[in-house]
Amino acid sequence: MAVNLNMAFISPPVGFSPFYLQSVAPPQVKTAEIHRGAIPFMVVQAVGLVILTILPESVVYLVTASGLGNEATNNTDFIPGSFGLRLALCVAGTALLAVLWGTYLRKRHGDGLGPGRVGAAIT
């Protein structure tokens, strides 16, 4: 469902993401170029959706094959506990990954404000 929704966000004629990109792109970049650039991503997502439609068991294959799922109940939840606990762990893990990735990018590319402007507001 999430992949299908993502395809809706990038597909013309009402894809929101290409229009957001157009608002920050340089003036010489045409809307048609942005929409053409989204086509390869839509193709990859469509192929993924077809695979999941034909082989729905592929979603939980790795969890089941690794023995992390409970075969007696066909439960593939590999994090024990209630739904709230699992959700909190997933959100915390995602936030940690985002912080680590942001830190890595800032160390590698700088803060994007130029030399001597660390933390300065962009006007």
C-alpha atoms as a PDB file:
ATOM      1  CA  MET A   1       0.000   0.000   0.000  1.00  0.00           C
ATOM      2  CA  ALA A   2       2.832   2.403   0.829  1.00  0.00           C
ATOM      3  CA  VAL A   3       4.578   1.774  -2.500  1.00  0.00           C
ATOM      4  CA  ASN A   4       1.315   2.295  -4.355  1.00  0.00           C
ATOM      5  CA  LEU A   5       0.754   5.555  -2.480  1.00  0.00           C
ATOM      6  CA  ASN A   6       4.306   6.665  -3.272  1.00  0.00           C
ATOM      7  CA  MET A   7       3.651   6.030  -6.956  1.00  0.00           C
ATOM      8  CA  ALA A   8       0.612   8.286  -6.696  1.00  0.00           C
ATOM      9  CA  PHE A   9       2.744  11.051  -5.193  1.00  0.00           C
ATOM     10  CA  ILE A  10       5.226  11.032  -8.093  1.00  0.00           C
ATOM     11  CA  SER A  11       2.989  10.210 -11.065  1.00  0.00           C
ATOM     12  CA  PRO A  12       1.565  12.868 -13.353  1.00  0.00           C
ATOM     13  CA  PRO A  13      -0.813  14.619 -13.701  1.00  0.00           C
ATOM     14  CA  VAL A  14      -1.446  15.198  -9.981  1.00  0.00           C
ATOM     15  CA  GLY A  15       1.792  13.970  -8.414  1.00  0.00           C
ATOM     16  CA  PHE A  16       2.646  16.331  -5.596  1.00  0.00           C
ATOM     17  CA  SER A  17       6.352  15.520  -5.367  1.00  0.00           C
ATOM     18  CA  PRO A  18       7.321  16.704  -8.877  1.00  0.00           C
ATOM     19  CA  PHE A  19       5.554  20.015  -8.248  1.00  0.00           C
ATOM     20  CA  TYR A  20       7.376  20.451  -4.933  1.00  0.00           C
ATOM     21  CA  LEU A  21      10.621  19.732  -6.769  1.00  0.00           C
ATOM     22  CA  GLN A  22       9.694  22.277  -9.461  1.00  0.00           C
ATOM     23  CA  SER A  23       9.270  24.957  -6.791  1.00  0.00           C
ATOM     24  CA  VAL A  24      12.914  24.589  -5.682  1.00  0.00           C
ATOM     25  CA  ALA A  25      14.485  23.771  -9.062  1.00  0.00           C
ATOM     26  CA  PRO A  26      16.330  26.392 -11.097  1.00  0.00           C
ATOM     27  CA  PRO A  27      14.144  28.241 -13.612  1.00  0.00           C
ATOM     28  CA  GLN A  28      15.756  26.532 -16.617  1.00  0.00           C
ATOM     29  CA  VAL A  29      14.496  23.099 -15.449  1.00  0.00           C
ATOM     30  CA  LYS A  30      11.154  22.418 -17.122  1.00  0.00           C
ATOM     31  CA  THR A  31       8.264  20.590 -15.499  1.00  0.00           C
ATOM     32  CA  ALA A  32       8.280  18.005 -18.294  1.00  0.00           C
ATOM     33  CA  GLU A  33      11.916  17.161 -17.502  1.00  0.00           C
ATOM     34  CA  ILE A  34      11.050  16.536 -13.865  1.00  0.00           C
ATOM     35  CA  HIS A  35       8.118  14.294 -14.814  1.00  0.00           C
ATOM     36  CA  ARG A  36      10.294  12.357 -17.280  1.00  0.00           C
ATOM     37  CA  GLY A  37      12.876  11.902 -14.531  1.00  0.00           C
ATOM     38  CA  ALA A  38      10.239  10.309 -12.275  1.00  0.00           C
ATOM     39  CA  ILE A  39       9.398   7.593 -14.824  1.00  0.00           C
ATOM     40  CA  PRO A  40      12.304   5.218 -13.973  1.00  0.00           C
ATOM     41  CA  PHE A  41      11.344   5.317 -10.281  1.00  0.00           C
ATOM     42  CA  MET A  42       7.725   4.576 -11.139  1.00  0.00           C
ATOM     43  CA  VAL A  43       8.793   1.617 -13.306  1.00  0.00           C
ATOM     44  CA  VAL A  44      10.891   0.143 -10.486  1.00  0.00           C
ATOM     45  CA  GLN A  45       8.018   0.573  -8.032  1.00  0.00           C
ATOM     46  CA  ALA A  46       5.533  -0.952 -10.487  1.00  0.00           C
ATOM     47  CA  VAL A  47       7.787  -4.002 -10.962  1.00  0.00           C
ATOM     48  CA  GLY A  48       7.989  -4.355  -7.179  1.00  0.00           C
ATOM     49  CA  LEU A  49       4.204  -4.168  -6.877  1.00  0.00           C
ATOM     50  CA  VAL A  50       3.776  -6.832  -9.564  1.00  0.00           C
ATOM     51  CA  ILE A  51       6.226  -9.116  -7.756  1.00  0.00           C
ATOM     52  CA  LEU A  52       4.407  -8.628  -4.453  1.00  0.00           C
ATOM     53  CA  THR A  53       1.056  -9.246  -6.138  1.00  0.00           C
ATOM     54  CA  ILE A  54       2.232 -12.481  -7.739  1.00  0.00           C
ATOM     55  CA  LEU A  55       4.316 -13.675  -4.754  1.00  0.00           C
ATOM     56  CA  PRO A  56       2.829 -12.161  -1.562  1.00  0.00           C
ATOM     57  CA  GLU A  57       4.817 -14.582   0.613  1.00  0.00           C
ATOM     58  CA  SER A  58       7.991 -12.770  -0.506  1.00  0.00           C
ATOM     59  CA  VAL A  59       7.147 -10.029   2.017  1.00  0.00           C
ATOM     60  CA  VAL A  60       7.937 -12.273   4.986  1.00  0.00           C
ATOM     61  CA  TYR A  61      10.339 -14.684   3.293  1.00  0.00           C
ATOM     62  CA  LEU A  62      13.528 -13.490   5.016  1.00  0.00           C
ATOM     63  CA  VAL A  63      11.937 -13.422   8.465  1.00  0.00           C
ATOM     64  CA  THR A  64      10.506 -16.911   8.013  1.00  0.00           C
ATOM     65  CA  ALA A  65      13.669 -18.329   6.413  1.00  0.00           C
ATOM     66  CA  SER A  66      15.869 -17.009   9.214  1.00  0.00           C
ATOM     67  CA  GLY A  67      13.713 -18.702  11.844  1.00  0.00           C
ATOM     68  CA  LEU A  68      12.728 -15.454  13.544  1.00  0.00           C
ATOM     69  CA  GLY A  69       9.021 -15.998  12.920  1.00  0.00           C
ATOM     70  CA  ASN A  70       6.771 -18.250  14.984  1.00  0.00           C
ATOM     71  CA  GLU A  71       5.793 -21.056  12.624  1.00  0.00           C
ATOM     72  CA  ALA A  72       3.105 -22.453  14.942  1.00  0.00           C
ATOM     73  CA  THR A  73       1.000 -19.310  14.668  1.00  0.00           C
ATOM     74  CA  ASN A  74       2.485 -18.087  11.373  1.00  0.00           C
ATOM     75  CA  ASN A  75       3.533 -14.988  13.299  1.00  0.00           C
ATOM     76  CA  THR A  76       6.391 -13.097  11.679  1.00  0.00           C
ATOM     77  CA  ASP A  77       6.797 -10.497  14.417  1.00  0.00           C
ATOM     78  CA  PHE A  78      10.469 -10.865  15.293  1.00  0.00           C
ATOM     79  CA  ILE A  79      10.354  -8.175  17.982  1.00  0.00           C
ATOM     80  CA  PRO A  80       8.646  -9.558  21.084  1.00  0.00           C
ATOM     81  CA  GLY A  81       6.143  -7.545  23.068  1.00  0.00           C
ATOM     82  CA  SER A  82       3.004  -5.575  22.491  1.00  0.00           C
ATOM     83  CA  PHE A  83       2.316  -3.568  19.357  1.00  0.00           C
ATOM     84  CA  GLY A  84       3.029  -0.304  21.196  1.00  0.00           C
ATOM     85  CA  LEU A  85       6.461  -1.522  22.294  1.00  0.00           C
ATOM     86  CA  ARG A  86       7.334  -2.720  18.786  1.00  0.00           C
ATOM     87  CA  LEU A  87       6.147   0.578  17.308  1.00  0.00           C
ATOM     88  CA  ALA A  88       8.212   2.577  19.804  1.00  0.00           C
ATOM     89  CA  LEU A  89      11.305   0.484  19.004  1.00  0.00           C
ATOM     90  CA  CYS A  90      10.817   0.999  15.269  1.00  0.00           C
ATOM     91  CA  VAL A  91      10.344   4.765  15.637  1.00  0.00           C
ATOM     92  CA  ALA A  92      13.383   5.059  17.920  1.00  0.00           C
ATOM     93  CA  GLY A  93      15.482   2.963  15.536  1.00  0.00           C
ATOM     94  CA  THR A  94      14.426   5.063  12.561  1.00  0.00           C
ATOM     95  CA  ALA A  95      15.189   8.295  14.433  1.00  0.00           C
ATOM     96  CA  LEU A  96      18.615   6.961  15.411  1.00  0.00           C
ATOM     97  CA  LEU A  97      19.390   6.034  11.805  1.00  0.00           C
ATOM     98  CA  ALA A  98      18.292   9.497  10.637  1.00  0.00           C
ATOM     99  CA  VAL A  99      20.553  11.218  13.180  1.00  0.00           C
ATOM    100  CA  LEU A 100      23.506   9.008  12.274  1.00  0.00           C
ATOM    101  CA  TRP A 101      22.968   9.563   8.553  1.00  0.00           C
ATOM    102  CA  GLY A 102      22.652  13.334   9.019  1.00  0.00           C
ATOM    103  CA  THR A 103      25.828  13.410  11.098  1.00  0.00           C
ATOM    104  CA  TYR A 104      27.691  11.429   8.449  1.00  0.00           C
ATOM    105  CA  LEU A 105      26.507  13.742   5.660  1.00  0.00           C
ATOM    106  CA  ARG A 106      27.439  16.891   7.613  1.00  0.00           C
ATOM    107  CA  LYS A 107      30.925  15.516   8.279  1.00  0.00           C
ATOM    108  CA  ARG A 108      31.375  14.523   4.667  1.00  0.00           C
ATOM    109  CA  HIS A 109      29.824  17.538   2.913  1.00  0.00           C
ATOM    110  CA  GLY A 110      29.710  20.273   5.531  1.00  0.00           C
ATOM    111  CA  ASP A 111      26.574  22.063   6.641  1.00  0.00           C
ATOM    112  CA  GLY A 112      25.874  23.552   3.198  1.00  0.00           C
ATOM    113  CA  LEU A 113      26.135  27.159   4.391  1.00  0.00           C
ATOM    114  CA  GLY A 114      29.645  27.800   3.133  1.00  0.00           C
ATOM    115  CA  PRO A 115      32.881  28.594   4.967  1.00  0.00           C
ATOM    116  CA  GLY A 116      32.553  30.714   8.074  1.00  0.00           C
ATOM    117  CA  ARG A 117      28.770  30.503   8.126  1.00  0.00           C
ATOM    118  CA  VAL A 118      28.235  27.559  10.443  1.00  0.00           C
ATOM    119  CA  GLY A 119      24.728  27.862  11.874  1.00  0.00           C
ATOM    120  CA  ALA A 120      24.063  31.181  10.130  1.00  0.00           C
ATOM    121  CA  ALA A 121      20.593  31.812   8.789  1.00  0.00           C
ATOM    122  CA  ILE A 122      20.153  31.682   5.039  1.00  0.00           C
ATOM    123  CA  THR A 123      18.584  34.862   3.688  1.00  0.00           C
END
